[in-house]
C-alpha atoms as a PDB file:
ATOM      1  CA  GLN A   1      -0.059  -0.049  -0.028  1.00  0.00           C
ATOM      2  CA  VAL A   2       1.318   3.402  -0.947  1.00  0.00           C
ATOM      3  CA  GLN A   3      -0.122   6.719   0.632  1.00  0.00           C
ATOM      4  CA  VAL A   4       0.500   9.648  -1.128  1.00  0.00           C
ATOM      5  CA  VAL A   5      -0.344  13.747   0.532  1.00  0.00           C
ATOM      6  CA  GLU A   6       0.053  16.751  -1.002  1.00  0.00           C
ATOM      7  CA  SER A   7       0.556  20.183   0.412  1.00  0.00           C
ATOM      8  CA  GLY A   8       1.418  23.440  -0.369  1.00  0.00           C
ATOM      9  CA  GLY A   9      -1.484  24.537  -2.402  1.00  0.00           C
ATOM     10  CA  GLY A  10      -2.742  28.245  -1.539  1.00  0.00           C
ATOM     11  CA  LEU A  11      -3.786  31.875  -3.009  1.00  0.00           C
ATOM     12  CA  VAL A  12      -1.595  33.163  -5.581  1.00  0.00           C
ATOM     13  CA  GLN A  13      -1.763  35.981  -7.817  1.00  0.00           C
ATOM     14  CA  ALA A  14      -1.423  35.599 -11.483  1.00  0.00           C
ATOM     15  CA  GLY A  15       1.965  35.632 -13.128  1.00  0.00           C
ATOM     16  CA  GLY A  16       3.373  34.371  -9.991  1.00  0.00           C
ATOM     17  CA  SER A  17       4.777  31.106  -8.386  1.00  0.00           C
ATOM     18  CA  LEU A  18       4.154  28.145  -6.058  1.00  0.00           C
ATOM     19  CA  ARG A  19       5.059  24.463  -5.360  1.00  0.00           C
ATOM     20  CA  VAL A  20       2.945  22.013  -4.275  1.00  0.00           C
ATOM     21  CA  SER A  21       4.603  18.902  -2.643  1.00  0.00           C
ATOM     22  CA  CYS A  22       3.763  15.373  -2.387  1.00  0.00           C
ATOM     23  CA  ALA A  23       4.798  13.106   0.029  1.00  0.00           C
ATOM     24  CA  VAL A  24       5.050   9.260  -0.710  1.00  0.00           C
ATOM     25  CA  SER A  25       4.546   6.535   1.848  1.00  0.00           C
ATOM     26  CA  GLY A  26       4.504   3.042   2.181  1.00  0.00           C
ATOM     27  CA  ARG A  27       5.792   0.390  -0.220  1.00  0.00           C
ATOM     28  CA  THR A  28       7.846   3.190  -2.261  1.00  0.00           C
ATOM     29  CA  SER A  29       9.312   1.778  -5.660  1.00  0.00           C
ATOM     30  CA  SER A  30      11.129   2.824  -8.087  1.00  0.00           C
ATOM     31  CA  ASN A  31       8.828   1.536 -10.383  1.00  0.00           C
ATOM     32  CA  TYR A  32       6.465   3.539  -9.748  1.00  0.00           C
ATOM     33  CA  ALA A  33       5.149   6.709 -12.261  1.00  0.00           C
ATOM     34  CA  MET A  34       4.023   9.514 -10.151  1.00  0.00           C
ATOM     35  CA  GLY A  35       1.144  11.705 -11.960  1.00  0.00           C
ATOM     36  CA  TRP A  36       0.013  15.240 -11.049  1.00  0.00           C
ATOM     37  CA  PHE A  37      -3.669  16.181 -12.039  1.00  0.00           C
ATOM     38  CA  ARG A  38      -5.864  19.033 -11.642  1.00  0.00           C
ATOM     39  CA  GLN A  39      -9.928  19.609 -11.113  1.00  0.00           C
ATOM     40  CA  PRO A  40     -10.801  23.184 -12.254  1.00  0.00           C
ATOM     41  CA  PRO A  41     -14.155  24.360 -10.847  1.00  0.00           C
ATOM     42  CA  GLY A  42     -17.383  22.519 -12.446  1.00  0.00           C
ATOM     43  CA  LYS A  43     -14.659  21.077 -14.719  1.00  0.00           C
ATOM     44  CA  PRO A  44     -13.437  16.996 -15.289  1.00  0.00           C
ATOM     45  CA  ARG A  45      -9.937  16.362 -14.025  1.00  0.00           C
ATOM     46  CA  GLU A  46      -7.288  16.844 -16.399  1.00  0.00           C
ATOM     47  CA  PHE A  47      -3.901  15.572 -16.540  1.00  0.00           C
ATOM     48  CA  VAL A  48      -0.849  18.051 -15.785  1.00  0.00           C
ATOM     49  CA  ALA A  49       2.436  16.148 -15.289  1.00  0.00           C
ATOM     50  CA  ALA A  50       3.460  13.006 -15.254  1.00  0.00           C
ATOM     51  CA  ILE A  51       7.425  12.184 -13.830  1.00  0.00           C
ATOM     52  CA  SER A  52       9.511   8.337 -13.248  1.00  0.00           C
ATOM     53  CA  TRP A  53       9.999   8.179  -9.370  1.00  0.00           C
ATOM     54  CA  LYS A  54      13.680   8.608 -10.678  1.00  0.00           C
ATOM     55  CA  GLY A  55      13.158  11.735 -12.172  1.00  0.00           C
ATOM     56  CA  SER A  56      14.687  10.630 -15.403  1.00  0.00           C
ATOM     57  CA  ARG A  57      11.182  11.001 -17.615  1.00  0.00           C
ATOM     58  CA  THR A  58       8.895  14.060 -17.441  1.00  0.00           C
ATOM     59  CA  LEU A  59       5.373  14.859 -19.559  1.00  0.00           C
ATOM     60  CA  TYR A  60       3.458  17.479 -19.538  1.00  0.00           C
ATOM     61  CA  ALA A  61      -0.021  19.056 -20.436  1.00  0.00           C
ATOM     62  CA  ASP A  62       0.396  21.338 -23.659  1.00  0.00           C
ATOM     63  CA  SER A  63      -1.218  23.744 -21.368  1.00  0.00           C
ATOM     64  CA  VAL A  64       1.635  23.936 -18.479  1.00  0.00           C
ATOM     65  CA  ALA A  65       4.574  23.161 -20.741  1.00  0.00           C
ATOM     66  CA  GLY A  66       7.146  25.871 -19.979  1.00  0.00           C
ATOM     67  CA  ARG A  67       5.659  26.663 -16.969  1.00  0.00           C
ATOM     68  CA  PHE A  68       5.474  23.968 -14.369  1.00  0.00           C
ATOM     69  CA  THR A  69       7.964  21.804 -13.948  1.00  0.00           C
ATOM     70  CA  ALA A  70       7.753  18.418 -11.623  1.00  0.00           C
ATOM     71  CA  SER A  71      10.867  17.026  -9.588  1.00  0.00           C
ATOM     72  CA  THR A  72      11.607  14.132  -7.328  1.00  0.00           C
ATOM     73  CA  ASP A  73      13.488  13.830  -3.924  1.00  0.00           C
ATOM     74  CA  ASN A  74      14.300  10.300  -3.475  1.00  0.00           C
ATOM     75  CA  ALA A  75      16.048  10.448  -0.761  1.00  0.00           C
ATOM     76  CA  LYS A  76      12.763  12.105   1.178  1.00  0.00           C
ATOM     77  CA  ASN A  77      10.146  10.159  -0.839  1.00  0.00           C
ATOM     78  CA  MET A  78       8.961  13.843  -2.392  1.00  0.00           C
ATOM     79  CA  VAL A  79       7.466  14.861  -5.116  1.00  0.00           C
ATOM     80  CA  TYR A  80       7.063  18.693  -6.366  1.00  0.00           C
ATOM     81  CA  LEU A  81       5.235  20.631  -8.983  1.00  0.00           C
ATOM     82  CA  GLN A  82       6.750  23.961  -9.486  1.00  0.00           C
ATOM     83  CA  MET A  83       4.574  26.177 -11.034  1.00  0.00           C
ATOM     84  CA  ASN A  84       5.534  29.398 -12.594  1.00  0.00           C
ATOM     85  CA  ALA A  85       3.614  31.879 -14.615  1.00  0.00           C
ATOM     86  CA  LEU A  86      -0.032  31.176 -13.282  1.00  0.00           C
ATOM     87  CA  LYS A  87      -2.720  31.945 -14.764  1.00  0.00           C
ATOM     88  CA  LEU A  88      -6.197  32.193 -13.983  1.00  0.00           C
ATOM     89  CA  GLU A  89      -7.122  29.125 -15.566  1.00  0.00           C
ATOM     90  CA  ASP A  90      -4.203  27.033 -13.305  1.00  0.00           C
ATOM     91  CA  THR A  91      -7.345  27.452 -10.581  1.00  0.00           C
ATOM     92  CA  ALA A  92      -8.201  23.868  -9.588  1.00  0.00           C
ATOM     93  CA  VAL A  93      -7.728  21.456  -7.004  1.00  0.00           C
ATOM     94  CA  TYR A  94      -4.153  19.685  -7.853  1.00  0.00           C
ATOM     95  CA  TYR A  95      -4.086  16.168  -6.792  1.00  0.00           C
ATOM     96  CA  CYS A  96      -0.806  13.254  -6.733  1.00  0.00           C
ATOM     97  CA  ALA A  97      -1.163  10.276  -7.908  1.00  0.00           C
ATOM     98  CA  ALA A  98       1.046   7.210  -7.828  1.00  0.00           C
ATOM     99  CA  GLY A  99       0.913   4.007 -10.523  1.00  0.00           C
ATOM    100  CA  PRO A 100       3.015   1.225 -11.933  1.00  0.00           C
ATOM    101  CA  ALA A 101       5.657   2.155 -13.983  1.00  0.00           C
ATOM    102  CA  TYR A 102       4.083   1.377 -16.880  1.00  0.00           C
ATOM    103  CA  VAL A 103       1.220   4.347 -16.625  1.00  0.00           C
ATOM    104  CA  PHE A 104       3.867   7.062 -17.363  1.00  0.00           C
ATOM    105  CA  GLY A 105       2.297   9.208 -19.863  1.00  0.00           C
ATOM    106  CA  ARG A 106      -1.092   7.742 -19.491  1.00  0.00           C
ATOM    107  CA  THR A 107      -3.218  11.022 -19.048  1.00  0.00           C
ATOM    108  CA  SER A 108      -6.445   9.311 -18.048  1.00  0.00           C
ATOM    109  CA  GLY A 109      -5.524   8.958 -14.700  1.00  0.00           C
ATOM    110  CA  ALA A 110      -7.603   5.734 -14.459  1.00  0.00           C
ATOM    111  CA  GLU A 111      -4.287   3.403 -13.896  1.00  0.00           C
ATOM    112  CA  TYR A 112      -3.175   5.508 -11.246  1.00  0.00           C
ATOM    113  CA  ARG A 113      -3.466   3.431  -8.086  1.00  0.00           C
ATOM    114  CA  TYR A 114      -2.977   5.496  -5.277  1.00  0.00           C
ATOM    115  CA  TRP A 115      -4.455   9.041  -4.847  1.00  0.00           C
ATOM    116  CA  GLY A 116      -4.133  12.215  -2.067  1.00  0.00           C
ATOM    117  CA  GLN A 117      -6.714  14.487  -1.490  1.00  0.00           C
ATOM    118  CA  GLY A 118      -5.760  16.898  -3.319  1.00  0.00           C
ATOM    119  CA  THR A 119      -4.813  20.408  -2.495  1.00  0.00           C
ATOM    120  CA  GLN A 120      -6.011  23.885  -3.534  1.00  0.00           C
ATOM    121  CA  VAL A 121      -4.709  26.219  -6.204  1.00  0.00           C
ATOM    122  CA  THR A 122      -6.383  29.844  -6.289  1.00  0.00           C
ATOM    123  CA  VAL A 123      -5.058  31.889  -8.933  1.00  0.00           C
ATOM    124  CA  SER A 124      -6.028  35.792  -8.604  1.00  0.00           C
ATOM    125  CA  ALA A 125      -6.477  38.668 -10.378  1.00  0.00           C
END
């Protein structure tokens, strides 16, 4: 069993930066893929970014590429999402998810097995 807990959300002005974190515990493995997803108000969940456990592979949604950066700290069992140049449309609940390595790059989220409770990110004008 794996537990994931997000933190670091908050309120930020458009153009600003924020980093959300994901603490991973339990049966962590280098064979895991990690994903970041978000659910804007009134909209379905969408893929944001994926990163391999060791951080060697990353993938980003077109809407965040060049602005968001995913990273890992294996020593601390942490996964991060650095968000820069935030836009109003980035407002959402952000979720961290873990799954077997083969799900890396799959954007639906359905095959990620372990999910956090989410952290709210609100971008204001």
